[in-house]
Amino acid sequence: MAIGVAPEAAIADHKAHLNEISRRDSLSLDDVVCLRAMAGNWTEEYMQGWAAGFAEGRATAVLRLLQGRDIEVTGNTWERVTTCSDLATLTRWLKLATTVTRAEDLFTEPPA
């Protein structure tokens, strides 16, 4: 309580900021993991597991959204989405999954 803030309040505020950063996707997955790790005193193994789980959740959301829209998801699409660990790519695919008419359209490169 050196600066007049209770440690519990400072930790809660810090975690709230990390949650907001994560929600906005304003940092890379690696950056988010590092910040969360510092706040939570995570081990390297835990960091890797958290990052993998976060990416897996985003990939699952892409596939479920497509399926919920009755868009056929082939084995190739399933494999490509579930093996992707790049958060920016998964986020782009998630946004596209709301509008594409074919799953393959997820993989077309955005215009430069």
N, C-alpha and C. Protein backbone atom coordinates (compact mmCIF):
# COMPACT_ATOMS: atom_id res chain seq x y z
N MET A 1 0.83 -1.18 0.00
CA MET A 1 0.00 0.00 0.00
C MET A 1 0.88 1.25 0.00
N ALA A 2 1.97 1.18 -0.72
CA ALA A 2 2.94 2.27 -0.74
C ALA A 2 2.40 3.54 -1.37
N ILE A 3 1.52 3.45 -2.35
CA ILE A 3 1.01 4.66 -3.00
C ILE A 3 -0.47 4.89 -2.66
N GLY A 4 -0.94 4.28 -1.59
CA GLY A 4 -2.31 4.50 -1.15
C GLY A 4 -3.34 3.60 -1.80
N VAL A 5 -2.90 2.57 -2.51
CA VAL A 5 -3.82 1.64 -3.16
C VAL A 5 -3.61 0.26 -2.56
N ALA A 6 -4.68 -0.34 -2.12
CA ALA A 6 -4.58 -1.69 -1.56
C ALA A 6 -4.09 -2.65 -2.63
N PRO A 7 -3.21 -3.59 -2.29
CA PRO A 7 -2.69 -4.54 -3.29
C PRO A 7 -3.80 -5.28 -4.02
N GLU A 8 -4.86 -5.67 -3.33
CA GLU A 8 -5.96 -6.39 -3.97
C GLU A 8 -6.63 -5.54 -5.05
N ALA A 9 -6.78 -4.26 -4.77
CA ALA A 9 -7.41 -3.35 -5.73
C ALA A 9 -6.51 -3.16 -6.94
N ALA A 10 -5.21 -3.04 -6.72
CA ALA A 10 -4.27 -2.88 -7.83
C ALA A 10 -4.26 -4.11 -8.72
N ILE A 11 -4.27 -5.29 -8.11
CA ILE A 11 -4.27 -6.53 -8.88
C ILE A 11 -5.57 -6.67 -9.67
N ALA A 12 -6.69 -6.37 -9.05
CA ALA A 12 -7.98 -6.46 -9.74
C ALA A 12 -8.03 -5.49 -10.91
N ASP A 13 -7.52 -4.28 -10.72
CA ASP A 13 -7.49 -3.29 -11.80
C ASP A 13 -6.60 -3.77 -12.94
N HIS A 14 -5.45 -4.31 -12.61
CA HIS A 14 -4.52 -4.81 -13.62
C HIS A 14 -5.17 -5.94 -14.42
N LYS A 15 -5.83 -6.86 -13.75
CA LYS A 15 -6.49 -7.97 -14.44
C LYS A 15 -7.62 -7.47 -15.33
N ALA A 16 -8.34 -6.47 -14.89
CA ALA A 16 -9.42 -5.90 -15.71
C ALA A 16 -8.85 -5.30 -16.99
N HIS A 17 -7.73 -4.63 -16.88
CA HIS A 17 -7.09 -4.06 -18.07
C HIS A 17 -6.63 -5.16 -19.02
N LEU A 18 -6.08 -6.22 -18.49
CA LEU A 18 -5.65 -7.35 -19.33
C LEU A 18 -6.84 -7.97 -20.05
N ASN A 19 -7.96 -8.10 -19.35
CA ASN A 19 -9.16 -8.64 -19.99
C ASN A 19 -9.63 -7.75 -21.13
N GLU A 20 -9.58 -6.44 -20.92
CA GLU A 20 -9.98 -5.51 -21.97
C GLU A 20 -9.06 -5.59 -23.18
N ILE A 21 -7.76 -5.69 -22.94
CA ILE A 21 -6.79 -5.83 -24.04
C ILE A 21 -7.08 -7.11 -24.81
N SER A 22 -7.31 -8.20 -24.10
CA SER A 22 -7.60 -9.48 -24.75
C SER A 22 -8.86 -9.39 -25.59
N ARG A 23 -9.89 -8.74 -25.05
CA ARG A 23 -11.17 -8.64 -25.73
C ARG A 23 -11.03 -7.86 -27.04
N ARG A 24 -10.22 -6.86 -27.05
CA ARG A 24 -10.07 -6.01 -28.23
C ARG A 24 -9.14 -6.59 -29.29
N ASP A 25 -8.40 -7.63 -28.97
CA ASP A 25 -7.42 -8.20 -29.88
C ASP A 25 -6.42 -7.15 -30.35
N SER A 26 -6.10 -6.20 -29.46
CA SER A 26 -5.19 -5.13 -29.85
C SER A 26 -3.73 -5.52 -29.70
N LEU A 27 -3.47 -6.67 -29.11
CA LEU A 27 -2.12 -7.18 -28.99
C LEU A 27 -2.05 -8.56 -29.61
N SER A 28 -0.86 -8.97 -29.94
CA SER A 28 -0.69 -10.32 -30.45
C SER A 28 -0.96 -11.32 -29.33
N LEU A 29 -1.22 -12.56 -29.71
CA LEU A 29 -1.45 -13.60 -28.72
C LEU A 29 -0.25 -13.74 -27.80
N ASP A 30 0.95 -13.66 -28.37
CA ASP A 30 2.16 -13.76 -27.54
C ASP A 30 2.23 -12.64 -26.51
N ASP A 31 1.87 -11.42 -26.92
CA ASP A 31 1.88 -10.29 -26.00
C ASP A 31 0.86 -10.47 -24.88
N VAL A 32 -0.34 -10.91 -25.25
CA VAL A 32 -1.38 -11.13 -24.25
C VAL A 32 -0.94 -12.19 -23.25
N VAL A 33 -0.36 -13.28 -23.76
CA VAL A 33 0.10 -14.35 -22.87
C VAL A 33 1.17 -13.83 -21.93
N CYS A 34 2.11 -13.06 -22.45
CA CYS A 34 3.19 -12.52 -21.60
C CYS A 34 2.63 -11.61 -20.51
N LEU A 35 1.70 -10.74 -20.87
CA LEU A 35 1.11 -9.84 -19.87
C LEU A 35 0.34 -10.61 -18.82
N ARG A 36 -0.45 -11.58 -19.26
CA ARG A 36 -1.21 -12.39 -18.30
C ARG A 36 -0.26 -13.19 -17.42
N ALA A 37 0.81 -13.68 -18.02
CA ALA A 37 1.78 -14.48 -17.26
C ALA A 37 2.43 -13.64 -16.17
N MET A 38 2.79 -12.41 -16.51
CA MET A 38 3.41 -11.54 -15.50
C MET A 38 2.42 -11.24 -14.38
N ALA A 39 1.16 -11.01 -14.74
CA ALA A 39 0.15 -10.68 -13.73
C ALA A 39 -0.16 -11.88 -12.85
N GLY A 40 -0.08 -13.07 -13.41
CA GLY A 40 -0.46 -14.26 -12.66
C GLY A 40 0.69 -15.12 -12.21
N ASN A 41 1.93 -14.66 -12.49
CA ASN A 41 3.10 -15.43 -12.11
C ASN A 41 3.03 -16.86 -12.67
N TRP A 42 2.74 -16.97 -13.97
CA TRP A 42 2.57 -18.26 -14.64
C TRP A 42 3.91 -18.90 -14.95
N THR A 43 3.92 -20.21 -15.02
CA THR A 43 5.09 -20.94 -15.48
C THR A 43 5.07 -20.95 -17.01
N GLU A 44 6.20 -21.25 -17.61
CA GLU A 44 6.30 -21.34 -19.07
C GLU A 44 5.31 -22.37 -19.62
N GLU A 45 5.22 -23.50 -18.96
CA GLU A 45 4.31 -24.56 -19.40
C GLU A 45 2.86 -24.08 -19.37
N TYR A 46 2.50 -23.37 -18.31
CA TYR A 46 1.14 -22.86 -18.19
C TYR A 46 0.86 -21.82 -19.28
N MET A 47 1.84 -20.97 -19.57
CA MET A 47 1.68 -19.96 -20.63
C MET A 47 1.40 -20.62 -21.97
N GLN A 48 2.17 -21.64 -22.29
CA GLN A 48 1.98 -22.33 -23.56
C GLN A 48 0.61 -22.97 -23.64
N GLY A 49 0.18 -23.58 -22.56
CA GLY A 49 -1.14 -24.20 -22.53
C GLY A 49 -2.26 -23.19 -22.66
N TRP A 50 -2.11 -22.05 -21.99
CA TRP A 50 -3.13 -21.00 -22.08
C TRP A 50 -3.23 -20.47 -23.50
N ALA A 51 -2.10 -20.21 -24.14
CA ALA A 51 -2.11 -19.68 -25.51
C ALA A 51 -2.74 -20.69 -26.46
N ALA A 52 -2.40 -21.95 -26.31
CA ALA A 52 -2.96 -22.98 -27.17
C ALA A 52 -4.48 -23.08 -26.97
N GLY A 53 -4.92 -23.01 -25.73
CA GLY A 53 -6.35 -23.08 -25.44
C GLY A 53 -7.10 -21.87 -25.97
N PHE A 54 -6.50 -20.71 -25.90
CA PHE A 54 -7.13 -19.49 -26.41
C PHE A 54 -7.31 -19.59 -27.92
N ALA A 55 -6.26 -20.01 -28.62
CA ALA A 55 -6.34 -20.17 -30.07
C ALA A 55 -7.34 -21.26 -30.44
N GLU A 56 -7.36 -22.34 -29.69
CA GLU A 56 -8.30 -23.43 -29.96
C GLU A 56 -9.74 -22.95 -29.81
N GLY A 57 -9.99 -22.13 -28.81
CA GLY A 57 -11.33 -21.58 -28.62
C GLY A 57 -11.76 -20.70 -29.77
N ARG A 58 -10.84 -19.90 -30.27
CA ARG A 58 -11.16 -19.03 -31.41
C ARG A 58 -11.43 -19.88 -32.65
N ALA A 59 -10.64 -20.93 -32.87
CA ALA A 59 -10.84 -21.82 -34.03
C ALA A 59 -12.19 -22.53 -33.93
N THR A 60 -12.53 -22.99 -32.74
CA THR A 60 -13.81 -23.66 -32.54
C THR A 60 -14.96 -22.71 -32.84
N ALA A 61 -14.82 -21.45 -32.44
CA ALA A 61 -15.86 -20.45 -32.72
C ALA A 61 -16.05 -20.27 -34.22
N VAL A 62 -14.97 -20.24 -34.98
CA VAL A 62 -15.06 -20.11 -36.44
C VAL A 62 -15.87 -21.27 -37.01
N LEU A 63 -15.50 -22.48 -36.63
CA LEU A 63 -16.16 -23.66 -37.18
C LEU A 63 -17.63 -23.75 -36.76
N ARG A 64 -17.91 -23.44 -35.51
CA ARG A 64 -19.31 -23.51 -35.04
C ARG A 64 -20.17 -22.45 -35.71
N LEU A 65 -19.60 -21.30 -35.95
CA LEU A 65 -20.35 -20.25 -36.63
C LEU A 65 -20.70 -20.68 -38.04
N LEU A 66 -19.73 -21.24 -38.75
CA LEU A 66 -20.01 -21.73 -40.10
C LEU A 66 -21.08 -22.81 -40.08
N GLN A 67 -20.94 -23.76 -39.19
CA GLN A 67 -21.91 -24.85 -39.10
C GLN A 67 -23.29 -24.33 -38.70
N GLY A 68 -23.32 -23.36 -37.82
CA GLY A 68 -24.59 -22.77 -37.40
C GLY A 68 -25.30 -22.04 -38.53
N ARG A 69 -24.53 -21.60 -39.49
CA ARG A 69 -25.09 -20.94 -40.67
C ARG A 69 -25.35 -21.94 -41.78
N ASP A 70 -25.24 -23.24 -41.48
CA ASP A 70 -25.46 -24.32 -42.45
C ASP A 70 -24.50 -24.27 -43.62
N ILE A 71 -23.27 -23.86 -43.35
CA ILE A 71 -22.23 -23.86 -44.36
C ILE A 71 -21.41 -25.13 -44.18
N GLU A 72 -21.25 -25.86 -45.26
CA GLU A 72 -20.52 -27.13 -45.19
C GLU A 72 -19.05 -26.88 -44.84
N VAL A 73 -18.58 -27.62 -43.87
CA VAL A 73 -17.18 -27.53 -43.45
C VAL A 73 -16.51 -28.85 -43.82
N THR A 74 -15.64 -28.79 -44.81
CA THR A 74 -14.95 -29.99 -45.27
C THR A 74 -13.79 -30.33 -44.35
N GLY A 75 -13.24 -31.51 -44.55
CA GLY A 75 -12.09 -31.94 -43.75
C GLY A 75 -10.90 -31.01 -43.90
N ASN A 76 -10.68 -30.50 -45.13
CA ASN A 76 -9.56 -29.58 -45.36
C ASN A 76 -9.75 -28.27 -44.59
N THR A 77 -10.96 -27.76 -44.61
CA THR A 77 -11.25 -26.53 -43.87
C THR A 77 -11.09 -26.77 -42.38
N TRP A 78 -11.64 -27.86 -41.90
CA TRP A 78 -11.54 -28.21 -40.48
C TRP A 78 -10.07 -28.27 -40.05
N GLU A 79 -9.26 -28.95 -40.84
CA GLU A 79 -7.83 -29.11 -40.53
C GLU A 79 -7.13 -27.76 -40.52
N ARG A 80 -7.38 -26.96 -41.52
CA ARG A 80 -6.69 -25.67 -41.63
C ARG A 80 -7.04 -24.75 -40.46
N VAL A 81 -8.31 -24.72 -40.11
CA VAL A 81 -8.74 -23.83 -39.02
C VAL A 81 -8.23 -24.34 -37.67
N THR A 82 -8.34 -25.65 -37.42
CA THR A 82 -7.96 -26.17 -36.10
C THR A 82 -6.46 -26.22 -35.88
N THR A 83 -5.66 -26.16 -36.93
CA THR A 83 -4.21 -26.17 -36.75
C THR A 83 -3.61 -24.77 -36.76
N CYS A 84 -4.44 -23.75 -36.99
CA CYS A 84 -3.95 -22.38 -36.99
C CYS A 84 -3.77 -21.89 -35.55
N SER A 85 -2.64 -21.26 -35.28
CA SER A 85 -2.41 -20.70 -33.94
C SER A 85 -2.17 -19.20 -33.99
N ASP A 86 -2.35 -18.60 -35.16
CA ASP A 86 -2.15 -17.16 -35.33
C ASP A 86 -3.45 -16.44 -34.99
N LEU A 87 -3.45 -15.67 -33.92
CA LEU A 87 -4.67 -15.02 -33.44
C LEU A 87 -5.23 -14.03 -34.46
N ALA A 88 -4.38 -13.30 -35.15
CA ALA A 88 -4.87 -12.33 -36.14
C ALA A 88 -5.61 -13.06 -37.26
N THR A 89 -5.07 -14.17 -37.71
CA THR A 89 -5.72 -14.95 -38.77
C THR A 89 -7.04 -15.52 -38.27
N LEU A 90 -7.04 -16.10 -37.07
CA LEU A 90 -8.27 -16.66 -36.53
C LEU A 90 -9.33 -15.58 -36.32
N THR A 91 -8.93 -14.40 -35.91
CA THR A 91 -9.86 -13.30 -35.73
C THR A 91 -10.45 -12.87 -37.07
N ARG A 92 -9.60 -12.80 -38.10
CA ARG A 92 -10.09 -12.45 -39.45
C ARG A 92 -11.08 -13.49 -39.92
N TRP A 93 -10.74 -14.77 -39.73
CA TRP A 93 -11.64 -15.85 -40.15
C TRP A 93 -12.97 -15.79 -39.39
N LEU A 94 -12.91 -15.46 -38.10
CA LEU A 94 -14.13 -15.38 -37.31
C LEU A 94 -15.05 -14.28 -37.85
N LYS A 95 -14.48 -13.15 -38.20
CA LYS A 95 -15.28 -12.07 -38.78
C LYS A 95 -15.85 -12.47 -40.13
N LEU A 96 -15.03 -13.12 -40.95
CA LEU A 96 -15.50 -13.57 -42.26
C LEU A 96 -16.57 -14.64 -42.15
N ALA A 97 -16.50 -15.47 -41.13
CA ALA A 97 -17.46 -16.56 -40.97
C ALA A 97 -18.89 -16.05 -40.81
N THR A 98 -19.05 -14.78 -40.50
CA THR A 98 -20.40 -14.22 -40.36
C THR A 98 -21.01 -13.86 -41.71
N THR A 99 -20.18 -13.80 -42.77
CA THR A 99 -20.70 -13.33 -44.05
C THR A 99 -20.43 -14.25 -45.24
N VAL A 100 -19.43 -15.12 -45.15
CA VAL A 100 -19.10 -15.96 -46.31
C VAL A 100 -20.25 -16.91 -46.63
N THR A 101 -20.30 -17.35 -47.89
CA THR A 101 -21.31 -18.32 -48.29
C THR A 101 -20.70 -19.71 -48.47
N ARG A 102 -19.38 -19.78 -48.52
CA ARG A 102 -18.66 -21.05 -48.60
C ARG A 102 -17.50 -20.98 -47.62
N ALA A 103 -17.21 -22.09 -46.95
CA ALA A 103 -16.12 -22.11 -45.97
C ALA A 103 -14.78 -21.76 -46.62
N GLU A 104 -14.59 -22.16 -47.86
CA GLU A 104 -13.33 -21.89 -48.55
C GLU A 104 -13.06 -20.40 -48.71
N ASP A 105 -14.13 -19.60 -48.66
CA ASP A 105 -13.96 -18.15 -48.80
C ASP A 105 -13.22 -17.53 -47.62
N LEU A 106 -13.09 -18.26 -46.52
CA LEU A 106 -12.31 -17.76 -45.40
C LEU A 106 -10.85 -17.54 -45.79
N PHE A 107 -10.38 -18.36 -46.71
CA PHE A 107 -8.96 -18.40 -47.00
C PHE A 107 -8.53 -17.50 -48.15
N THR A 108 -9.43 -16.73 -48.71
CA THR A 108 -9.03 -15.79 -49.74
C THR A 108 -8.35 -14.62 -49.07
N GLU A 109 -7.27 -14.21 -49.65
CA GLU A 109 -6.48 -13.11 -49.06
C GLU A 109 -7.23 -11.80 -49.18
N PRO A 110 -7.18 -10.98 -48.14
CA PRO A 110 -7.83 -9.67 -48.22
C PRO A 110 -7.11 -8.80 -49.24
N PRO A 111 -7.84 -7.88 -49.86
CA PRO A 111 -7.19 -7.00 -50.84
C PRO A 111 -6.12 -6.15 -50.17
N ALA A 112 -5.05 -5.92 -50.90
CA ALA A 112 -3.90 -5.16 -50.36
C ALA A 112 -4.19 -3.69 -50.28
